[in-house]
């Protein structure tokens, strides 16, 4: 359940010339083990 303008995500993907862009958000630490978890650099590269 969410509202998202996918055009903004697609625009970011194109600007980065990415192979893959993953939509992310922080979750409570106690729930983190239920999700795919990642680290990113200063440019948001995974």
ModelCIF file with pLDDT and N, C-alpha, C, O atoms, coordinates in Angstrom:
data_MODEL
#
_entry.id   MODEL 
#
_entity.id                         1 
_entity.type                       polymer 
_entity.pdbx_number_of_molecules   1 
#
_entity_poly.entity_id                      1 
_entity_poly.type                           'polypeptide(L)' 
_entity_poly.nstd_linkage                   no 
_entity_poly.nstd_monomer                   no 
_entity_poly.pdbx_seq_one_letter_code       
;(UNK)(UNK)(UNK)(UNK)(UNK)(UNK)(UNK)(UNK)(UNK)(UNK)(UNK)(UNK)(UNK)(UNK)(UNK)(UNK)
(UNK)(UNK)(UNK)(UNK)(UNK)(UNK)(UNK)(UNK)(UNK)(UNK)(UNK)(UNK)(UNK)(UNK)(UNK)(UNK)
(UNK)(UNK)(UNK)(UNK)(UNK)(UNK)(UNK)(UNK)(UNK)(UNK)(UNK)(UNK)(UNK)(UNK)
;
_entity_poly.pdbx_seq_one_letter_code_can   XXXXXXXXXXXXXXXXXXXXXXXXXXXXXXXXXXXXXXXXXXXXXX 
_entity_poly.pdbx_strand_id                 A 
#
loop_
_entity_poly_seq.entity_id 
_entity_poly_seq.num 
_entity_poly_seq.mon_id 
_entity_poly_seq.hetero 
1 1  UNK n 
1 2  UNK n 
1 3  UNK n 
1 4  UNK n 
1 5  UNK n 
1 6  UNK n 
1 7  UNK n 
1 8  UNK n 
1 9  UNK n 
1 10 UNK n 
1 11 UNK n 
1 12 UNK n 
1 13 UNK n 
1 14 UNK n 
1 15 UNK n 
1 16 UNK n 
1 17 UNK n 
1 18 UNK n 
1 19 UNK n 
1 20 UNK n 
1 21 UNK n 
1 22 UNK n 
1 23 UNK n 
1 24 UNK n 
1 25 UNK n 
1 26 UNK n 
1 27 UNK n 
1 28 UNK n 
1 29 UNK n 
1 30 UNK n 
1 31 UNK n 
1 32 UNK n 
1 33 UNK n 
1 34 UNK n 
1 35 UNK n 
1 36 UNK n 
1 37 UNK n 
1 38 UNK n 
1 39 UNK n 
1 40 UNK n 
1 41 UNK n 
1 42 UNK n 
1 43 UNK n 
1 44 UNK n 
1 45 UNK n 
1 46 UNK n 
#
_struct_asym.id          A 
_struct_asym.entity_id   1 
#
loop_
_ma_qa_metric.id 
_ma_qa_metric.mode 
_ma_qa_metric.name 
_ma_qa_metric.software_group_id 
_ma_qa_metric.type 
1 global pLDDT . pLDDT 
2 local  pLDDT . pLDDT 
#
_ma_qa_metric_global.metric_id      1 
_ma_qa_metric_global.metric_value   96.17 
_ma_qa_metric_global.model_id       1 
_ma_qa_metric_global.ordinal_id     1 
#
loop_
_ma_qa_metric_local.label_asym_id 
_ma_qa_metric_local.label_comp_id 
_ma_qa_metric_local.label_seq_id 
_ma_qa_metric_local.metric_id 
_ma_qa_metric_local.metric_value 
_ma_qa_metric_local.model_id 
_ma_qa_metric_local.ordinal_id 
A UNK 1  2 96.00 1 1  
A UNK 2  2 96.00 1 2  
A UNK 3  2 96.00 1 3  
A UNK 4  2 97.00 1 4  
A UNK 5  2 97.00 1 5  
A UNK 6  2 98.00 1 6  
A UNK 7  2 97.00 1 7  
A UNK 8  2 97.00 1 8  
A UNK 9  2 98.00 1 9  
A UNK 10 2 98.00 1 10 
A UNK 11 2 98.00 1 11 
A UNK 12 2 97.00 1 12 
A UNK 13 2 98.00 1 13 
A UNK 14 2 98.00 1 14 
A UNK 15 2 98.00 1 15 
A UNK 16 2 98.00 1 16 
A UNK 17 2 98.00 1 17 
A UNK 18 2 98.00 1 18 
A UNK 19 2 98.00 1 19 
A UNK 20 2 98.00 1 20 
A UNK 21 2 98.00 1 21 
A UNK 22 2 98.00 1 22 
A UNK 23 2 98.00 1 23 
A UNK 24 2 98.00 1 24 
A UNK 25 2 96.00 1 25 
A UNK 26 2 96.00 1 26 
A UNK 27 2 93.00 1 27 
A UNK 28 2 92.00 1 28 
A UNK 29 2 94.00 1 29 
A UNK 30 2 92.00 1 30 
A UNK 31 2 89.00 1 31 
A UNK 32 2 93.00 1 32 
A UNK 33 2 93.00 1 33 
A UNK 34 2 89.00 1 34 
A UNK 35 2 93.00 1 35 
A UNK 36 2 95.00 1 36 
A UNK 37 2 97.00 1 37 
A UNK 38 2 96.00 1 38 
A UNK 39 2 96.00 1 39 
A UNK 40 2 97.00 1 40 
A UNK 41 2 96.00 1 41 
A UNK 42 2 96.00 1 42 
A UNK 43 2 97.00 1 43 
A UNK 44 2 97.00 1 44 
A UNK 45 2 98.00 1 45 
A UNK 46 2 98.00 1 46 
#
loop_
_atom_site.group_PDB 
_atom_site.id 
_atom_site.type_symbol 
_atom_site.label_atom_id 
_atom_site.label_alt_id 
_atom_site.label_comp_id 
_atom_site.label_asym_id 
_atom_site.label_entity_id 
_atom_site.label_seq_id 
_atom_site.pdbx_PDB_ins_code 
_atom_site.Cartn_x 
_atom_site.Cartn_y 
_atom_site.Cartn_z 
_atom_site.occupancy 
_atom_site.B_iso_or_equiv 
_atom_site.pdbx_formal_charge 
_atom_site.auth_seq_id 
_atom_site.auth_comp_id 
_atom_site.auth_asym_id 
_atom_site.auth_atom_id 
_atom_site.pdbx_PDB_model_num 
ATOM 1   N N  . UNK A 1 1  ? 0.847  -1.188  0.000   1.00 96.00 ? 1  UNK A N  1 
ATOM 2   C CA . UNK A 1 1  ? 0.000  0.000   0.000   1.00 96.00 ? 1  UNK A CA 1 
ATOM 3   C C  . UNK A 1 1  ? 0.883  1.239   0.000   1.00 96.00 ? 1  UNK A C  1 
ATOM 4   O O  . UNK A 1 1  ? 1.642  1.458   0.944   1.00 96.00 ? 1  UNK A O  1 
ATOM 5   N N  . UNK A 1 2  ? 0.793  2.048   -1.045  1.00 96.00 ? 2  UNK A N  1 
ATOM 6   C CA . UNK A 1 2  ? 1.599  3.256   -1.144  1.00 96.00 ? 2  UNK A CA 1 
ATOM 7   C C  . UNK A 1 2  ? 1.164  4.046   -2.368  1.00 96.00 ? 2  UNK A C  1 
ATOM 8   O O  . UNK A 1 2  ? 0.490  3.519   -3.254  1.00 96.00 ? 2  UNK A O  1 
ATOM 9   N N  . UNK A 1 3  ? 1.553  5.306   -2.409  1.00 96.00 ? 3  UNK A N  1 
ATOM 10  C CA . UNK A 1 3  ? 1.394  6.143   -3.588  1.00 96.00 ? 3  UNK A CA 1 
ATOM 11  C C  . UNK A 1 3  ? 2.779  6.507   -4.080  1.00 96.00 ? 3  UNK A C  1 
ATOM 12  O O  . UNK A 1 3  ? 3.595  7.008   -3.306  1.00 96.00 ? 3  UNK A O  1 
ATOM 13  N N  . UNK A 1 4  ? 3.064  6.265   -5.357  1.00 97.00 ? 4  UNK A N  1 
ATOM 14  C CA . UNK A 1 4  ? 4.369  6.613   -5.904  1.00 97.00 ? 4  UNK A CA 1 
ATOM 15  C C  . UNK A 1 4  ? 4.235  7.028   -7.358  1.00 97.00 ? 4  UNK A C  1 
ATOM 16  O O  . UNK A 1 4  ? 3.525  6.397   -8.140  1.00 97.00 ? 4  UNK A O  1 
ATOM 17  N N  . UNK A 1 5  ? 4.932  8.104   -7.705  1.00 97.00 ? 5  UNK A N  1 
ATOM 18  C CA . UNK A 1 5  ? 5.039  8.513   -9.103  1.00 97.00 ? 5  UNK A CA 1 
ATOM 19  C C  . UNK A 1 5  ? 6.250  7.794   -9.691  1.00 97.00 ? 5  UNK A C  1 
ATOM 20  O O  . UNK A 1 5  ? 7.391  8.198   -9.471  1.00 97.00 ? 5  UNK A O  1 
ATOM 21  N N  . UNK A 1 6  ? 5.993  6.740   -10.430 1.00 98.00 ? 6  UNK A N  1 
ATOM 22  C CA . UNK A 1 6  ? 7.079  5.942   -10.988 1.00 98.00 ? 6  UNK A CA 1 
ATOM 23  C C  . UNK A 1 6  ? 7.915  6.727   -12.001 1.00 98.00 ? 6  UNK A C  1 
ATOM 24  O O  . UNK A 1 6  ? 9.051  6.352   -12.288 1.00 98.00 ? 6  UNK A O  1 
ATOM 25  N N  . UNK A 1 7  ? 7.362  7.807   -12.540 1.00 97.00 ? 7  UNK A N  1 
ATOM 26  C CA . UNK A 1 7  ? 8.128  8.618   -13.499 1.00 97.00 ? 7  UNK A CA 1 
ATOM 27  C C  . UNK A 1 7  ? 9.367  9.206   -12.845 1.00 97.00 ? 7  UNK A C  1 
ATOM 28  O O  . UNK A 1 7  ? 10.409 9.326   -13.489 1.00 97.00 ? 7  UNK A O  1 
ATOM 29  N N  . UNK A 1 8  ? 9.267  9.574   -11.570 1.00 97.00 ? 8  UNK A N  1 
ATOM 30  C CA . UNK A 1 8  ? 10.426 10.151  -10.880 1.00 97.00 ? 8  UNK A CA 1 
ATOM 31  C C  . UNK A 1 8  ? 11.517 9.100   -10.697 1.00 97.00 ? 8  UNK A C  1 
ATOM 32  O O  . UNK A 1 8  ? 12.701 9.395   -10.861 1.00 97.00 ? 8  UNK A O  1 
ATOM 33  N N  . UNK A 1 9  ? 11.124 7.892   -10.364 1.00 98.00 ? 9  UNK A N  1 
ATOM 34  C CA . UNK A 1 9  ? 12.095 6.810   -10.215 1.00 98.00 ? 9  UNK A CA 1 
ATOM 35  C C  . UNK A 1 9  ? 12.738 6.484   -11.558 1.00 98.00 ? 9  UNK A C  1 
ATOM 36  O O  . UNK A 1 9  ? 13.948 6.273   -11.632 1.00 98.00 ? 9  UNK A O  1 
ATOM 37  N N  . UNK A 1 10 ? 11.937 6.443   -12.616 1.00 98.00 ? 10 UNK A N  1 
ATOM 38  C CA . UNK A 1 10 ? 12.467 6.172   -13.954 1.00 98.00 ? 10 UNK A CA 1 
ATOM 39  C C  . UNK A 1 10 ? 13.430 7.273   -14.387 1.00 98.00 ? 10 UNK A C  1 
ATOM 40  O O  . UNK A 1 10 ? 14.456 6.989   -15.005 1.00 98.00 ? 10 UNK A O  1 
ATOM 41  N N  . UNK A 1 11 ? 13.113 8.513   -14.072 1.00 98.00 ? 11 UNK A N  1 
ATOM 42  C CA . UNK A 1 11 ? 13.992 9.634   -14.422 1.00 98.00 ? 11 UNK A CA 1 
ATOM 43  C C  . UNK A 1 11 ? 15.354 9.483   -13.739 1.00 98.00 ? 11 UNK A C  1 
ATOM 44  O O  . UNK A 1 11 ? 16.394 9.710   -14.357 1.00 98.00 ? 11 UNK A O  1 
ATOM 45  N N  . UNK A 1 12 ? 15.337 9.099   -12.466 1.00 97.00 ? 12 UNK A N  1 
ATOM 46  C CA . UNK A 1 12 ? 16.594 8.872   -11.740 1.00 97.00 ? 12 UNK A CA 1 
ATOM 47  C C  . UNK A 1 12 ? 17.390 7.741   -12.382 1.00 97.00 ? 12 UNK A C  1 
ATOM 48  O O  . UNK A 1 12 ? 18.607 7.841   -12.537 1.00 97.00 ? 12 UNK A O  1 
ATOM 49  N N  . UNK A 1 13 ? 16.706 6.677   -12.750 1.00 98.00 ? 13 UNK A N  1 
ATOM 50  C CA . UNK A 1 13 ? 17.357 5.540   -13.396 1.00 98.00 ? 13 UNK A CA 1 
ATOM 51  C C  . UNK A 1 13 ? 18.051 5.968   -14.688 1.00 98.00 ? 13 UNK A C  1 
ATOM 52  O O  . UNK A 1 13 ? 19.196 5.590   -14.935 1.00 98.00 ? 13 UNK A O  1 
ATOM 53  N N  . UNK A 1 14 ? 17.369 6.745   -15.497 1.00 98.00 ? 14 UNK A N  1 
ATOM 54  C CA . UNK A 1 14 ? 17.925 7.182   -16.787 1.00 98.00 ? 14 UNK A CA 1 
ATOM 55  C C  . UNK A 1 14 ? 19.106 8.126   -16.571 1.00 98.00 ? 14 UNK A C  1 
ATOM 56  O O  . UNK A 1 14 ? 20.129 8.003   -17.244 1.00 98.00 ? 14 UNK A O  1 
ATOM 57  N N  . UNK A 1 15 ? 18.968 9.063   -15.640 1.00 98.00 ? 15 UNK A N  1 
ATOM 58  C CA . UNK A 1 15 ? 20.050 10.018  -15.379 1.00 98.00 ? 15 UNK A CA 1 
ATOM 59  C C  . UNK A 1 15 ? 21.313 9.322   -14.888 1.00 98.00 ? 15 UNK A C  1 
ATOM 60  O O  . UNK A 1 15 ? 22.421 9.770   -15.182 1.00 98.00 ? 15 UNK A O  1 
ATOM 61  N N  . UNK A 1 16 ? 21.154 8.238   -14.148 1.00 98.00 ? 16 UNK A N  1 
ATOM 62  C CA . UNK A 1 16 ? 22.315 7.493   -13.644 1.00 98.00 ? 16 UNK A CA 1 
ATOM 63  C C  . UNK A 1 16 ? 22.852 6.487   -14.645 1.00 98.00 ? 16 UNK A C  1 
ATOM 64  O O  . UNK A 1 16 ? 23.874 5.844   -14.404 1.00 98.00 ? 16 UNK A O  1 
ATOM 65  N N  . UNK A 1 17 ? 22.156 6.349   -15.779 1.00 98.00 ? 17 UNK A N  1 
ATOM 66  C CA . UNK A 1 17 ? 22.533 5.329   -16.770 1.00 98.00 ? 17 UNK A CA 1 
ATOM 67  C C  . UNK A 1 17 ? 22.675 3.970   -16.085 1.00 98.00 ? 17 UNK A C  1 
ATOM 68  O O  . UNK A 1 17 ? 23.644 3.242   -16.301 1.00 98.00 ? 17 UNK A O  1 
ATOM 69  N N  . UNK A 1 18 ? 21.691 3.655   -15.262 1.00 98.00 ? 18 UNK A N  1 
ATOM 70  C CA . UNK A 1 18 ? 21.756 2.472   -14.395 1.00 98.00 ? 18 UNK A CA 1 
ATOM 71  C C  . UNK A 1 18 ? 21.291 1.217   -15.113 1.00 98.00 ? 18 UNK A C  1 
ATOM 72  O O  . UNK A 1 18 ? 20.504 1.275   -16.057 1.00 98.00 ? 18 UNK A O  1 
ATOM 73  N N  . UNK A 1 19 ? 21.791 0.089   -14.648 1.00 98.00 ? 19 UNK A N  1 
ATOM 74  C CA . UNK A 1 19 ? 21.254 -1.203  -15.065 1.00 98.00 ? 19 UNK A CA 1 
ATOM 75  C C  . UNK A 1 19 ? 20.038 -1.568  -14.223 1.00 98.00 ? 19 UNK A C  1 
ATOM 76  O O  . UNK A 1 19 ? 19.097 -2.196  -14.709 1.00 98.00 ? 19 UNK A O  1 
ATOM 77  N N  . UNK A 1 20 ? 20.069 -1.167  -12.954 1.00 98.00 ? 20 UNK A N  1 
ATOM 78  C CA . UNK A 1 20 ? 18.980 -1.456  -12.026 1.00 98.00 ? 20 UNK A CA 1 
ATOM 79  C C  . UNK A 1 20 ? 18.871 -0.333  -11.014 1.00 98.00 ? 20 UNK A C  1 
ATOM 80  O O  . UNK A 1 20 ? 19.873 0.148   -10.484 1.00 98.00 ? 20 UNK A O  1 
ATOM 81  N N  . UNK A 1 21 ? 17.632 0.078   -10.752 1.00 98.00 ? 21 UNK A N  1 
ATOM 82  C CA . UNK A 1 21 ? 17.354 1.023   -9.671  1.00 98.00 ? 21 UNK A CA 1 
ATOM 83  C C  . UNK A 1 21 ? 16.343 0.375   -8.736  1.00 98.00 ? 21 UNK A C  1 
ATOM 84  O O  . UNK A 1 21 ? 15.329 -0.167  -9.176  1.00 98.00 ? 21 UNK A O  1 
ATOM 85  N N  . UNK A 1 22 ? 16.636 0.438   -7.436  1.00 98.00 ? 22 UNK A N  1 
ATOM 86  C CA . UNK A 1 22 ? 15.793 -0.184  -6.415  1.00 98.00 ? 22 UNK A CA 1 
ATOM 87  C C  . UNK A 1 22 ? 15.202 0.910   -5.539  1.00 98.00 ? 22 UNK A C  1 
ATOM 88  O O  . UNK A 1 22 ? 15.936 1.743   -5.008  1.00 98.00 ? 22 UNK A O  1 
ATOM 89  N N  . UNK A 1 23 ? 13.892 0.913   -5.387  1.00 98.00 ? 23 UNK A N  1 
ATOM 90  C CA . UNK A 1 23 ? 13.259 1.877   -4.487  1.00 98.00 ? 23 UNK A CA 1 
ATOM 91  C C  . UNK A 1 23 ? 13.476 1.427   -3.048  1.00 98.00 ? 23 UNK A C  1 
ATOM 92  O O  . UNK A 1 23 ? 13.273 0.262   -2.709  1.00 98.00 ? 23 UNK A O  1 
ATOM 93  N N  . UNK A 1 24 ? 13.898 2.381   -2.200  1.00 98.00 ? 24 UNK A N  1 
ATOM 94  C CA . UNK A 1 24 ? 14.272 2.028   -0.829  1.00 98.00 ? 24 UNK A CA 1 
ATOM 95  C C  . UNK A 1 24 ? 13.690 3.030   0.160   1.00 98.00 ? 24 UNK A C  1 
ATOM 96  O O  . UNK A 1 24 ? 13.344 4.159   -0.188  1.00 98.00 ? 24 UNK A O  1 
ATOM 97  N N  . UNK A 1 25 ? 13.597 2.577   1.392   1.00 96.00 ? 25 UNK A N  1 
ATOM 98  C CA . UNK A 1 25 ? 13.260 3.468   2.493   1.00 96.00 ? 25 UNK A CA 1 
ATOM 99  C C  . UNK A 1 25 ? 13.737 2.830   3.792   1.00 96.00 ? 25 UNK A C  1 
ATOM 100 O O  . UNK A 1 25 ? 13.843 1.606   3.873   1.00 96.00 ? 25 UNK A O  1 
ATOM 101 N N  . UNK A 1 26 ? 14.026 3.635   4.804   1.00 96.00 ? 26 UNK A N  1 
ATOM 102 C CA . UNK A 1 26 ? 14.438 3.057   6.086   1.00 96.00 ? 26 UNK A CA 1 
ATOM 103 C C  . UNK A 1 26 ? 13.262 2.398   6.787   1.00 96.00 ? 26 UNK A C  1 
ATOM 104 O O  . UNK A 1 26 ? 12.135 2.888   6.724   1.00 96.00 ? 26 UNK A O  1 
ATOM 105 N N  . UNK A 1 27 ? 13.531 1.284   7.453   1.00 93.00 ? 27 UNK A N  1 
ATOM 106 C CA . UNK A 1 27 ? 12.515 0.587   8.239   1.00 93.00 ? 27 UNK A CA 1 
ATOM 107 C C  . UNK A 1 27 ? 13.024 0.480   9.669   1.00 93.00 ? 27 UNK A C  1 
ATOM 108 O O  . UNK A 1 27 ? 14.226 0.614   9.899   1.00 93.00 ? 27 UNK A O  1 
ATOM 109 N N  . UNK A 1 28 ? 12.144 0.241   10.637  1.00 92.00 ? 28 UNK A N  1 
ATOM 110 C CA . UNK A 1 28 ? 12.614 0.041   12.016  1.00 92.00 ? 28 UNK A CA 1 
ATOM 111 C C  . UNK A 1 28 ? 13.630 -1.099  12.083  1.00 92.00 ? 28 UNK A C  1 
ATOM 112 O O  . UNK A 1 28 ? 13.484 -2.119  11.410  1.00 92.00 ? 28 UNK A O  1 
ATOM 113 N N  . UNK A 1 29 ? 14.647 -0.908  12.898  1.00 94.00 ? 29 UNK A N  1 
ATOM 114 C CA . UNK A 1 29 ? 15.712 -1.909  12.981  1.00 94.00 ? 29 UNK A CA 1 
ATOM 115 C C  . UNK A 1 29 ? 15.177 -3.291  13.343  1.00 94.00 ? 29 UNK A C  1 
ATOM 116 O O  . UNK A 1 29 ? 15.685 -4.302  12.856  1.00 94.00 ? 29 UNK A O  1 
ATOM 117 N N  . UNK A 1 30 ? 14.155 -3.340  14.194  1.00 92.00 ? 30 UNK A N  1 
ATOM 118 C CA . UNK A 1 30 ? 13.636 -4.641  14.615  1.00 92.00 ? 30 UNK A CA 1 
ATOM 119 C C  . UNK A 1 30 ? 12.919 -5.370  13.483  1.00 92.00 ? 30 UNK A C  1 
ATOM 120 O O  . UNK A 1 30 ? 12.658 -6.568  13.592  1.00 92.00 ? 30 UNK A O  1 
ATOM 121 N N  . UNK A 1 31 ? 12.597 -4.664  12.396  1.00 89.00 ? 31 UNK A N  1 
ATOM 122 C CA . UNK A 1 31 ? 11.930 -5.285  11.256  1.00 89.00 ? 31 UNK A CA 1 
ATOM 123 C C  . UNK A 1 31 ? 12.869 -5.504  10.064  1.00 89.00 ? 31 UNK A C  1 
ATOM 124 O O  . UNK A 1 31 ? 12.467 -6.085  9.056   1.00 89.00 ? 31 UNK A O  1 
ATOM 125 N N  . UNK A 1 32 ? 14.108 -5.044  10.179  1.00 93.00 ? 32 UNK A N  1 
ATOM 126 C CA . UNK A 1 32 ? 15.010 -5.047  9.026   1.00 93.00 ? 32 UNK A CA 1 
ATOM 127 C C  . UNK A 1 32 ? 15.273 -6.447  8.476   1.00 93.00 ? 32 UNK A C  1 
ATOM 128 O O  . UNK A 1 32 ? 15.501 -6.602  7.276   1.00 93.00 ? 32 UNK A O  1 
ATOM 129 N N  . UNK A 1 33 ? 15.245 -7.457  9.323   1.00 93.00 ? 33 UNK A N  1 
ATOM 130 C CA . UNK A 1 33 ? 15.545 -8.814  8.864   1.00 93.00 ? 33 UNK A CA 1 
ATOM 131 C C  . UNK A 1 33 ? 14.447 -9.392  7.979   1.00 93.00 ? 33 UNK A C  1 
ATOM 132 O O  . UNK A 1 33 ? 14.619 -10.476 7.421   1.00 93.00 ? 33 UNK A O  1 
ATOM 133 N N  . UNK A 1 34 ? 13.315 -8.689  7.838   1.00 89.00 ? 34 UNK A N  1 
ATOM 134 C CA . UNK A 1 34 ? 12.221 -9.152  6.965   1.00 89.00 ? 34 UNK A CA 1 
ATOM 135 C C  . UNK A 1 34 ? 12.411 -8.690  5.527   1.00 89.00 ? 34 UNK A C  1 
ATOM 136 O O  . UNK A 1 34 ? 11.658 -9.103  4.646   1.00 89.00 ? 34 UNK A O  1 
ATOM 137 N N  . UNK A 1 35 ? 13.420 -7.827  5.271   1.00 93.00 ? 35 UNK A N  1 
ATOM 138 C CA . UNK A 1 35 ? 13.553 -7.175  3.976   1.00 93.00 ? 35 UNK A CA 1 
ATOM 139 C C  . UNK A 1 35 ? 14.918 -7.435  3.346   1.00 93.00 ? 35 UNK A C  1 
ATOM 140 O O  . UNK A 1 35 ? 15.845 -7.918  3.995   1.00 93.00 ? 35 UNK A O  1 
ATOM 141 N N  . UNK A 1 36 ? 15.009 -7.099  2.057   1.00 95.00 ? 36 UNK A N  1 
ATOM 142 C CA . UNK A 1 36 ? 16.307 -6.995  1.428   1.00 95.00 ? 36 UNK A CA 1 
ATOM 143 C C  . UNK A 1 36 ? 16.966 -5.713  1.898   1.00 95.00 ? 36 UNK A C  1 
ATOM 144 O O  . UNK A 1 36 ? 16.404 -4.627  1.751   1.00 95.00 ? 36 UNK A O  1 
ATOM 145 N N  . UNK A 1 37 ? 18.158 -5.838  2.465   1.00 97.00 ? 37 UNK A N  1 
ATOM 146 C CA . UNK A 1 37 ? 18.830 -4.699  3.093   1.00 97.00 ? 37 UNK A CA 1 
ATOM 147 C C  . UNK A 1 37 ? 20.086 -4.352  2.308   1.00 97.00 ? 37 UNK A C  1 
ATOM 148 O O  . UNK A 1 37 ? 20.801 -5.242  1.847   1.00 97.00 ? 37 UNK A O  1 
ATOM 149 N N  . UNK A 1 38 ? 20.358 -3.059  2.154   1.00 96.00 ? 38 UNK A N  1 
ATOM 150 C CA . UNK A 1 38 ? 21.503 -2.648  1.342   1.00 96.00 ? 38 UNK A CA 1 
ATOM 151 C C  . UNK A 1 38 ? 22.274 -1.510  1.984   1.00 96.00 ? 38 UNK A C  1 
ATOM 152 O O  . UNK A 1 38 ? 21.807 -0.837  2.902   1.00 96.00 ? 38 UNK A O  1 
ATOM 153 N N  . UNK A 1 39 ? 23.488 -1.325  1.455   1.00 96.00 ? 39 UNK A N  1 
ATOM 154 C CA . UNK A 1 39 ? 24.317 -0.164  1.780   1.00 96.00 ? 39 UNK A CA 1 
ATOM 155 C C  . UNK A 1 39 ? 24.583 0.585   0.483   1.00 96.00 ? 39 UNK A C  1 
ATOM 156 O O  . UNK A 1 39 ? 24.696 -0.022  -0.582  1.00 96.00 ? 39 UNK A O  1 
ATOM 157 N N  . UNK A 1 40 ? 24.682 1.904   0.577   1.00 97.00 ? 40 UNK A N  1 
ATOM 158 C CA . UNK A 1 40 ? 24.928 2.735   -0.603  1.00 97.00 ? 40 UNK A CA 1 
ATOM 159 C C  . UNK A 1 40 ? 26.069 3.697   -0.313  1.00 97.00 ? 40 UNK A C  1 
ATOM 160 O O  . UNK A 1 40 ? 26.373 3.996   0.842   1.00 97.00 ? 40 UNK A O  1 
ATOM 161 N N  . UNK A 1 41 ? 26.708 4.185   -1.404  1.00 96.00 ? 41 UNK A N  1 
ATOM 162 C CA . UNK A 1 41 ? 27.766 5.171   -1.227  1.00 96.00 ? 41 UNK A CA 1 
ATOM 163 C C  . UNK A 1 41 ? 27.172 6.576   -1.292  1.00 96.00 ? 41 UNK A C  1 
ATOM 164 O O  . UNK A 1 41 ? 25.954 6.751   -1.284  1.00 96.00 ? 41 UNK A O  1 
ATOM 165 N N  . UNK A 1 42 ? 28.061 7.579   -1.357  1.00 96.00 ? 42 UNK A N  1 
ATOM 166 C CA . UNK A 1 42 ? 27.598 8.970   -1.328  1.00 96.00 ? 42 UNK A CA 1 
ATOM 167 C C  . UNK A 1 42 ? 26.787 9.356   -2.556  1.00 96.00 ? 42 UNK A C  1 
ATOM 168 O O  . UNK A 1 42 ? 26.099 10.377  -2.554  1.00 96.00 ? 42 UNK A O  1 
ATOM 169 N N  . UNK A 1 43 ? 26.866 8.540   -3.611  1.00 97.00 ? 43 UNK A N  1 
ATOM 170 C CA . UNK A 1 43 ? 26.091 8.806   -4.828  1.00 97.00 ? 43 UNK A CA 1 
ATOM 171 C C  . UNK A 1 43 ? 24.862 7.897   -4.945  1.00 97.00 ? 43 UNK A C  1 
ATOM 172 O O  . UNK A 1 43 ? 24.219 7.842   -5.994  1.00 97.00 ? 43 UNK A O  1 
ATOM 173 N N  . UNK A 1 44 ? 24.550 7.199   -3.875  1.00 97.00 ? 44 UNK A N  1 
ATOM 174 C CA . UNK A 1 44 ? 23.422 6.263   -3.825  1.00 97.00 ? 44 UNK A CA 1 
ATOM 175 C C  . UNK A 1 44 ? 23.629 5.036   -4.700  1.00 97.00 ? 44 UNK A C  1 
ATOM 176 O O  . UNK A 1 44 ? 22.664 4.352   -5.043  1.00 97.00 ? 44 UNK A O  1 
ATOM 177 N N  . UNK A 1 45 ? 24.884 4.747   -5.069  1.00 98.00 ? 45 UNK A N  1 
ATOM 178 C CA . UNK A 1 45 ? 25.164 3.485   -5.745  1.00 98.00 ? 45 UNK A CA 1 
ATOM 179 C C  . UNK A 1 45 ? 25.157 2.368   -4.709  1.00 98.00 ? 45 UNK A C  1 
ATOM 180 O O  . UNK A 1 45 ? 25.737 2.506   -3.632  1.00 98.00 ? 45 UNK A O  1 
ATOM 181 N N  . UNK A 1 46 ? 24.506 1.274   -5.037  1.00 98.00 ? 46 UNK A N  1 
ATOM 182 C CA . UNK A 1 46 ? 24.405 0.157   -4.100  1.00 98.00 ? 46 UNK A CA 1 
ATOM 183 C C  . UNK A 1 46 ? 25.738 -0.576  -4.034  1.00 98.00 ? 46 UNK A C  1 
ATOM 184 O O  . UNK A 1 46 ? 25.868 -1.555  -3.299  1.00 98.00 ? 46 UNK A O  1 
#
